Each structure stands twice: as C-alpha cells, then as structure tokens.
Amino acid sequence: MWFGDMSGWMFVGGFFMMLLWIALLVLIVWGIIKLVQREDSSSAKGKSNALDIAKERYAKGEITKAEFEQLKKDL
C-alpha cells in the first residue's frame, strides 16, 4: 500500500522535472536571441557613430568637403 501512494509523488516529480527542462530550454533560446540582437544593434550603432564623428569633424573644419564625401562613401 505504501508504494501505491508514492506513484502520485513520482508523477508530480516528473511533471516538475519536465517544467524545469522546458524553462531551461526557453532561457537558452531567449539568451541566444538577446545575444544576436545585441550584436546587430552594436554593429549598426558603430556605423552611425562613425558617420556622426565624420559630421562633427567636417563641422569643426578638421576635414574638407571632399574628405567628408569620401568618408560617407566608405561608411
């Protein structure tokens, strides 16, 4: 009789183990998505920052218009 009562707890334990694995899988997928998004945004941010720096240098007179246009083409 005592072992019959344990089967219910084993089912509950198995259910929670399944929930643990699902939560772990969701966490891993979420982390990968965030990592990819961060890399995409940082590469786009780097390009806009370079263009902003070129604009500032042109505005300050550090580079000529031809140099600025060449930088824009390169970026």
PDB file of N, CA and C in Angstrom:
ATOM      1  N   MET A   1       0.805  -1.196   0.000  1.00  0.00           N
ATOM      2  CA  MET A   1       0.000   0.000   0.000  1.00  0.00           C
ATOM      3  C   MET A   1       0.856   1.272   0.000  1.00  0.00           C
ATOM      4  N   TRP A   2       1.913   1.267   0.731  1.00  0.00           N
ATOM      5  CA  TRP A   2       2.730   2.468   0.841  1.00  0.00           C
ATOM      6  C   TRP A   2       3.335   2.841  -0.505  1.00  0.00           C
ATOM      7  N   PHE A   3       3.743   1.829  -1.298  1.00  0.00           N
ATOM      8  CA  PHE A   3       4.329   2.120  -2.601  1.00  0.00           C
ATOM      9  C   PHE A   3       3.297   2.685  -3.567  1.00  0.00           C
ATOM     10  N   GLY A   4       2.056   2.329  -3.412  1.00  0.00           N
ATOM     11  CA  GLY A   4       0.999   2.862  -4.255  1.00  0.00           C
ATOM     12  C   GLY A   4       0.854   4.361  -4.065  1.00  0.00           C
ATOM     13  N   ASP A   5       1.065   4.833  -2.854  1.00  0.00           N
ATOM     14  CA  ASP A   5       0.987   6.267  -2.585  1.00  0.00           C
ATOM     15  C   ASP A   5       2.145   7.023  -3.229  1.00  0.00           C
ATOM     16  N   MET A   6       3.274   6.385  -3.405  1.00  0.00           N
ATOM     17  CA  MET A   6       4.458   7.042  -3.972  1.00  0.00           C
ATOM     18  C   MET A   6       4.295   7.325  -5.466  1.00  0.00           C
ATOM     19  N   SER A   7       3.452   6.577  -6.143  1.00  0.00           N
ATOM     20  CA  SER A   7       3.322   6.777  -7.585  1.00  0.00           C
ATOM     21  C   SER A   7       2.789   8.178  -7.898  1.00  0.00           C
ATOM     22  N   GLY A   8       1.935   8.690  -7.063  1.00  0.00           N
ATOM     23  CA  GLY A   8       1.431  10.052  -7.267  1.00  0.00           C
ATOM     24  C   GLY A   8       2.533  11.080  -7.135  1.00  0.00           C
ATOM     25  N   TRP A   9       3.407  10.908  -6.154  1.00  0.00           N
ATOM     26  CA  TRP A   9       4.517  11.838  -5.967  1.00  0.00           C
ATOM     27  C   TRP A   9       5.531  11.718  -7.097  1.00  0.00           C
ATOM     28  N   MET A  10       5.710  10.511  -7.618  1.00  0.00           N
ATOM     29  CA  MET A  10       6.646  10.338  -8.729  1.00  0.00           C
ATOM     30  C   MET A  10       6.122  11.062  -9.967  1.00  0.00           C
ATOM     31  N   PHE A  11       4.805  11.039 -10.161  1.00  0.00           N
ATOM     32  CA  PHE A  11       4.210  11.762 -11.283  1.00  0.00           C
ATOM     33  C   PHE A  11       4.432  13.265 -11.118  1.00  0.00           C
ATOM     34  N   VAL A  12       4.212  13.759  -9.908  1.00  0.00           N
ATOM     35  CA  VAL A  12       4.404  15.193  -9.646  1.00  0.00           C
ATOM     36  C   VAL A  12       5.860  15.560  -9.855  1.00  0.00           C
ATOM     37  N   GLY A  13       6.772  14.722  -9.370  1.00  0.00           N
ATOM     38  CA  GLY A  13       8.197  14.984  -9.558  1.00  0.00           C
ATOM     39  C   GLY A  13       8.574  14.994 -11.029  1.00  0.00           C
ATOM     40  N   GLY A  14       8.031  14.054 -11.799  1.00  0.00           N
ATOM     41  CA  GLY A  14       8.301  14.020 -13.238  1.00  0.00           C
ATOM     42  C   GLY A  14       7.755  15.249 -13.946  1.00  0.00           C
ATOM     43  N   PHE A  15       6.581  15.699 -13.510  1.00  0.00           N
ATOM     44  CA  PHE A  15       5.984  16.901 -14.090  1.00  0.00           C
ATOM     45  C   PHE A  15       6.870  18.121 -13.837  1.00  0.00           C
ATOM     46  N   PHE A  16       7.353  18.262 -12.604  1.00  0.00           N
ATOM     47  CA  PHE A  16       8.214  19.399 -12.295  1.00  0.00           C
ATOM     48  C   PHE A  16       9.559  19.300 -13.006  1.00  0.00           C
ATOM     49  N   MET A  17      10.058  18.088 -13.205  1.00  0.00           N
ATOM     50  CA  MET A  17      11.307  17.918 -13.945  1.00  0.00           C
ATOM     51  C   MET A  17      11.105  18.349 -15.398  1.00  0.00           C
ATOM     52  N   MET A  18       9.945  18.006 -15.971  1.00  0.00           N
ATOM     53  CA  MET A  18       9.640  18.414 -17.333  1.00  0.00           C
ATOM     54  C   MET A  18       9.544  19.945 -17.413  1.00  0.00           C
ATOM     55  N   LEU A  19       8.906  20.564 -16.429  1.00  0.00           N
ATOM     56  CA  LEU A  19       8.816  22.027 -16.405  1.00  0.00           C
ATOM     57  C   LEU A  19      10.201  22.661 -16.290  1.00  0.00           C
ATOM     58  N   LEU A  20      11.074  22.048 -15.519  1.00  0.00           N
ATOM     59  CA  LEU A  20      12.437  22.551 -15.366  1.00  0.00           C
ATOM     60  C   LEU A  20      13.170  22.529 -16.705  1.00  0.00           C
ATOM     61  N   TRP A  21      13.068  21.433 -17.436  1.00  0.00           N
ATOM     62  CA  TRP A  21      13.740  21.329 -18.729  1.00  0.00           C
ATOM     63  C   TRP A  21      13.157  22.311 -19.740  1.00  0.00           C
ATOM     64  N   ILE A  22      11.863  22.490 -19.727  1.00  0.00           N
ATOM     65  CA  ILE A  22      11.238  23.451 -20.637  1.00  0.00           C
ATOM     66  C   ILE A  22      11.696  24.872 -20.302  1.00  0.00           C
ATOM     67  N   ALA A  23      11.726  25.198 -19.021  1.00  0.00           N
ATOM     68  CA  ALA A  23      12.177  26.532 -18.603  1.00  0.00           C
ATOM     69  C   ALA A  23      13.638  26.749 -18.983  1.00  0.00           C
ATOM     70  N   LEU A  24      14.461  25.732 -18.829  1.00  0.00           N
ATOM     71  CA  LEU A  24      15.870  25.841 -19.196  1.00  0.00           C
ATOM     72  C   LEU A  24      16.020  26.057 -20.701  1.00  0.00           C
ATOM     73  N   LEU A  25      15.258  25.330 -21.488  1.00  0.00           N
ATOM     74  CA  LEU A  25      15.306  25.480 -22.933  1.00  0.00           C
ATOM     75  C   LEU A  25      14.850  26.882 -23.356  1.00  0.00           C
ATOM     76  N   VAL A  26      13.778  27.369 -22.750  1.00  0.00           N
ATOM     77  CA  VAL A  26      13.278  28.719 -23.055  1.00  0.00           C
ATOM     78  C   VAL A  26      14.330  29.762 -22.680  1.00  0.00           C
ATOM     79  N   LEU A  27      14.995  29.581 -21.565  1.00  0.00           N
ATOM     80  CA  LEU A  27      16.029  30.518 -21.127  1.00  0.00           C
ATOM     81  C   LEU A  27      17.201  30.536 -22.099  1.00  0.00           C
ATOM     82  N   ILE A  28      17.605  29.387 -22.576  1.00  0.00           N
ATOM     83  CA  ILE A  28      18.715  29.320 -23.534  1.00  0.00           C
ATOM     84  C   ILE A  28      18.337  30.000 -24.842  1.00  0.00           C
ATOM     85  N   VAL A  29      17.147  29.731 -25.354  1.00  0.00           N
ATOM     86  CA  VAL A  29      16.701  30.353 -26.607  1.00  0.00           C
ATOM     87  C   VAL A  29      16.594  31.865 -26.434  1.00  0.00           C
ATOM     88  N   TRP A  30      16.054  32.312 -25.316  1.00  0.00           N
ATOM     89  CA  TRP A  30      15.939  33.758 -25.052  1.00  0.00           C
ATOM     90  C   TRP A  30      17.329  34.400 -25.008  1.00  0.00           C
ATOM     91  N   GLY A  31      18.291  33.737 -24.368  1.00  0.00           N
ATOM     92  CA  GLY A  31      19.647  34.278 -24.287  1.00  0.00           C
ATOM     93  C   GLY A  31      20.297  34.391 -25.652  1.00  0.00           C
ATOM     94  N   ILE A  32      20.099  33.382 -26.499  1.00  0.00           N
ATOM     95  CA  ILE A  32      20.670  33.430 -27.843  1.00  0.00           C
ATOM     96  C   ILE A  32      20.049  34.564 -28.650  1.00  0.00           C
ATOM     97  N   ILE A  33      18.747  34.734 -28.544  1.00  0.00           N
ATOM     98  CA  ILE A  33      18.073  35.821 -29.265  1.00  0.00           C
ATOM     99  C   ILE A  33      18.602  37.171 -28.813  1.00  0.00           C
ATOM    100  N   LYS A  34      18.741  37.369 -27.504  1.00  0.00           N
ATOM    101  CA  LYS A  34      19.253  38.645 -26.988  1.00  0.00           C
ATOM    102  C   LYS A  34      20.683  38.893 -27.442  1.00  0.00           C
ATOM    103  N   LEU A  35      21.501  37.844 -27.474  1.00  0.00           N
ATOM    104  CA  LEU A  35      22.890  37.983 -27.906  1.00  0.00           C
ATOM    105  C   LEU A  35      22.959  38.391 -29.367  1.00  0.00           C
ATOM    106  N   VAL A  36      22.143  37.792 -30.211  1.00  0.00           N
ATOM    107  CA  VAL A  36      22.133  38.134 -31.636  1.00  0.00           C
ATOM    108  C   VAL A  36      21.628  39.558 -31.836  1.00  0.00           C
ATOM    109  N   GLN A  37      20.599  39.952 -31.100  1.00  0.00           N
ATOM    110  CA  GLN A  37      20.077  41.313 -31.233  1.00  0.00           C
ATOM    111  C   GLN A  37      21.104  42.343 -30.793  1.00  0.00           C
ATOM    112  N   ARG A  38      21.851  42.032 -29.746  1.00  0.00           N
ATOM    113  CA  ARG A  38      22.855  42.970 -29.260  1.00  0.00           C
ATOM    114  C   ARG A  38      23.957  43.147 -30.294  1.00  0.00           C
ATOM    115  N   GLU A  39      24.393  42.063 -30.941  1.00  0.00           N
ATOM    116  CA  GLU A  39      25.428  42.160 -31.960  1.00  0.00           C
ATOM    117  C   GLU A  39      24.942  42.967 -33.149  1.00  0.00           C
ATOM    118  N   ASP A  40      23.685  42.776 -33.550  1.00  0.00           N
ATOM    119  CA  ASP A  40      23.130  43.532 -34.668  1.00  0.00           C
ATOM    120  C   ASP A  40      23.052  45.015 -34.341  1.00  0.00           C
ATOM    121  N   SER A  41      22.595  45.345 -33.148  1.00  0.00           N
ATOM    122  CA  SER A  41      22.444  46.752 -32.791  1.00  0.00           C
ATOM    123  C   SER A  41      23.794  47.421 -32.598  1.00  0.00           C
ATOM    124  N   SER A  42      24.786  46.687 -32.087  1.00  0.00           N
ATOM    125  CA  SER A  42      26.095  47.302 -31.884  1.00  0.00           C
ATOM    126  C   SER A  42      26.798  47.553 -33.208  1.00  0.00           C
ATOM    127  N   SER A  43      26.618  46.672 -34.199  1.00  0.00           N
ATOM    128  CA  SER A  43      27.240  46.909 -35.496  1.00  0.00           C
ATOM    129  C   SER A  43      26.566  48.083 -36.198  1.00  0.00           C
ATOM    130  N   ALA A  44      25.263  48.202 -36.098  1.00  0.00           N
ATOM    131  CA  ALA A  44      24.561  49.340 -36.697  1.00  0.00           C
ATOM    132  C   ALA A  44      24.920  50.621 -35.960  1.00  0.00           C
ATOM    133  N   LYS A  45      25.074  50.523 -34.652  1.00  0.00           N
ATOM    134  CA  LYS A  45      25.427  51.687 -33.852  1.00  0.00           C
ATOM    135  C   LYS A  45      26.825  52.178 -34.203  1.00  0.00           C
ATOM    136  N   GLY A  46      27.736  51.275 -34.461  1.00  0.00           N
ATOM    137  CA  GLY A  46      29.101  51.640 -34.827  1.00  0.00           C
ATOM    138  C   GLY A  46      29.140  52.408 -36.130  1.00  0.00           C
ATOM    139  N   LYS A  47      28.314  52.026 -37.091  1.00  0.00           N
ATOM    140  CA  LYS A  47      28.279  52.729 -38.364  1.00  0.00           C
ATOM    141  C   LYS A  47      27.731  54.133 -38.186  1.00  0.00           C
ATOM    142  N   SER A  48      26.669  54.297 -37.418  1.00  0.00           N
ATOM    143  CA  SER A  48      26.107  55.629 -37.236  1.00  0.00           C
ATOM    144  C   SER A  48      27.052  56.502 -36.422  1.00  0.00           C
ATOM    145  N   ASN A  49      27.757  55.912 -35.481  1.00  0.00           N
ATOM    146  CA  ASN A  49      28.709  56.693 -34.708  1.00  0.00           C
ATOM    147  C   ASN A  49      29.850  57.194 -35.580  1.00  0.00           C
ATOM    148  N   ALA A  50      30.324  56.357 -36.502  1.00  0.00           N
ATOM    149  CA  ALA A  50      31.407  56.778 -37.386  1.00  0.00           C
ATOM    150  C   ALA A  50      30.953  57.930 -38.275  1.00  0.00           C
ATOM    151  N   LEU A  51      29.738  57.842 -38.766  1.00  0.00           N
ATOM    152  CA  LEU A  51      29.209  58.920 -39.598  1.00  0.00           C
ATOM    153  C   LEU A  51      29.013  60.193 -38.774  1.00  0.00           C
ATOM    154  N   ASP A  52      28.562  60.060 -37.546  1.00  0.00           N
ATOM    155  CA  ASP A  52      28.407  61.222 -36.668  1.00  0.00           C
ATOM    156  C   ASP A  52      29.755  61.879 -36.396  1.00  0.00           C
ATOM    157  N   ILE A  53      30.766  61.053 -36.190  1.00  0.00           N
ATOM    158  CA  ILE A  53      32.111  61.599 -35.950  1.00  0.00           C
ATOM    159  C   ILE A  53      32.598  62.348 -37.186  1.00  0.00           C
ATOM    160  N   ALA A  54      32.360  61.788 -38.372  1.00  0.00           N
ATOM    161  CA  ALA A  54      32.766  62.460 -39.606  1.00  0.00           C
ATOM    162  C   ALA A  54      32.030  63.788 -39.755  1.00  0.00           C
ATOM    163  N   LYS A  55      30.735  63.803 -39.424  1.00  0.00           N
ATOM    164  CA  LYS A  55      29.960  65.052 -39.495  1.00  0.00           C
ATOM    165  C   LYS A  55      30.526  66.097 -38.540  1.00  0.00           C
ATOM    166  N   GLU A  56      30.875  65.665 -37.337  1.00  0.00           N
ATOM    167  CA  GLU A  56      31.441  66.604 -36.356  1.00  0.00           C
ATOM    168  C   GLU A  56      32.786  67.144 -36.830  1.00  0.00           C
ATOM    169  N   ARG A  57      33.606  66.261 -37.377  1.00  0.00           N
ATOM    170  CA  ARG A  57      34.912  66.706 -37.865  1.00  0.00           C
ATOM    171  C   ARG A  57      34.755  67.694 -39.018  1.00  0.00           C
ATOM    172  N   TYR A  58      33.778  67.449 -39.908  1.00  0.00           N
ATOM    173  CA  TYR A  58      33.526  68.367 -41.020  1.00  0.00           C
ATOM    174  C   TYR A  58      33.002  69.705 -40.495  1.00  0.00           C
ATOM    175  N   ALA A  59      32.110  69.634 -39.513  1.00  0.00           N
ATOM    176  CA  ALA A  59      31.553  70.867 -38.942  1.00  0.00           C
ATOM    177  C   ALA A  59      32.637  71.697 -38.250  1.00  0.00           C
ATOM    178  N   LYS A  60      33.599  71.032 -37.645  1.00  0.00           N
ATOM    179  CA  LYS A  60      34.682  71.749 -36.959  1.00  0.00           C
ATOM    180  C   LYS A  60      35.748  72.249 -37.930  1.00  0.00           C
ATOM    181  N   GLY A  61      35.681  71.787 -39.180  1.00  0.00           N
ATOM    182  CA  GLY A  61      36.676  72.206 -40.165  1.00  0.00           C
ATOM    183  C   GLY A  61      37.926  71.354 -40.150  1.00  0.00           C
ATOM    184  N   GLU A  62      37.885  70.221 -39.502  1.00  0.00           N
ATOM    185  CA  GLU A  62      39.058  69.353 -39.441  1.00  0.00           C
ATOM    186  C   GLU A  62      39.289  68.613 -40.759  1.00  0.00           C
ATOM    187  N   ILE A  63      38.214  68.393 -41.517  1.00  0.00           N
ATOM    188  CA  ILE A  63      38.338  67.731 -42.812  1.00  0.00           C
ATOM    189  C   ILE A  63      37.617  68.566 -43.858  1.00  0.00           C
ATOM    190  N   THR A  64      38.017  68.390 -45.111  1.00  0.00           N
ATOM    191  CA  THR A  64      37.398  69.141 -46.198  1.00  0.00           C
ATOM    192  C   THR A  64      36.113  68.445 -46.644  1.00  0.00           C
ATOM    193  N   LYS A  65      35.367  69.140 -47.527  1.00  0.00           N
ATOM    194  CA  LYS A  65      34.131  68.563 -48.037  1.00  0.00           C
ATOM    195  C   LYS A  65      34.413  67.294 -48.840  1.00  0.00           C
ATOM    196  N   ALA A  66      35.481  67.299 -49.622  1.00  0.00           N
ATOM    197  CA  ALA A  66      35.838  66.123 -50.423  1.00  0.00           C
ATOM    198  C   ALA A  66      36.176  64.939 -49.505  1.00  0.00           C
ATOM    199  N   GLU A  67      36.901  65.222 -48.436  1.00  0.00           N
ATOM    200  CA  GLU A  67      37.245  64.152 -47.480  1.00  0.00           C
ATOM    201  C   GLU A  67      35.980  63.617 -46.794  1.00  0.00           C
ATOM    202  N   PHE A  68      35.069  64.536 -46.463  1.00  0.00           N
ATOM    203  CA  PHE A  68      33.819  64.130 -45.829  1.00  0.00           C
ATOM    204  C   PHE A  68      32.994  63.257 -46.766  1.00  0.00           C
ATOM    205  N   GLU A  69      32.892  63.675 -48.031  1.00  0.00           N
ATOM    206  CA  GLU A  69      32.136  62.882 -49.009  1.00  0.00           C
ATOM    207  C   GLU A  69      32.767  61.499 -49.192  1.00  0.00           C
ATOM    208  N   GLN A  70      34.098  61.437 -49.191  1.00  0.00           N
ATOM    209  CA  GLN A  70      34.770  60.140 -49.324  1.00  0.00           C
ATOM    210  C   GLN A  70      34.505  59.261 -48.099  1.00  0.00           C
ATOM    211  N   LEU A  71      34.482  59.852 -46.935  1.00  0.00           N
ATOM    212  CA  LEU A  71      34.171  59.089 -45.711  1.00  0.00           C
ATOM    213  C   LEU A  71      32.750  58.560 -45.757  1.00  0.00           C
ATOM    214  N   LYS A  72      31.819  59.380 -46.239  1.00  0.00           N
ATOM    215  CA  LYS A  72      30.430  58.922 -46.347  1.00  0.00           C
ATOM    216  C   LYS A  72      30.335  57.728 -47.290  1.00  0.00           C
ATOM    217  N   LYS A  73      31.044  57.783 -48.405  1.00  0.00           N
ATOM    218  CA  LYS A  73      31.017  56.663 -49.343  1.00  0.00           C
ATOM    219  C   LYS A  73      31.610  55.407 -48.714  1.00  0.00           C
ATOM    220  N   ASP A  74      32.687  55.582 -47.968  1.00  0.00           N
ATOM    221  CA  ASP A  74      33.365  54.436 -47.343  1.00  0.00           C
ATOM    222  C   ASP A  74      32.487  53.796 -46.246  1.00  0.00           C
ATOM    223  N   LEU A  75      31.734  54.638 -45.559  1.00  0.00           N
ATOM    224  CA  LEU A  75      30.891  54.114 -44.473  1.00  0.00           C
ATOM    225  C   LEU A  75      29.596  53.584 -45.041  1.00  0.00           C
TER     226      LEU A  75
END
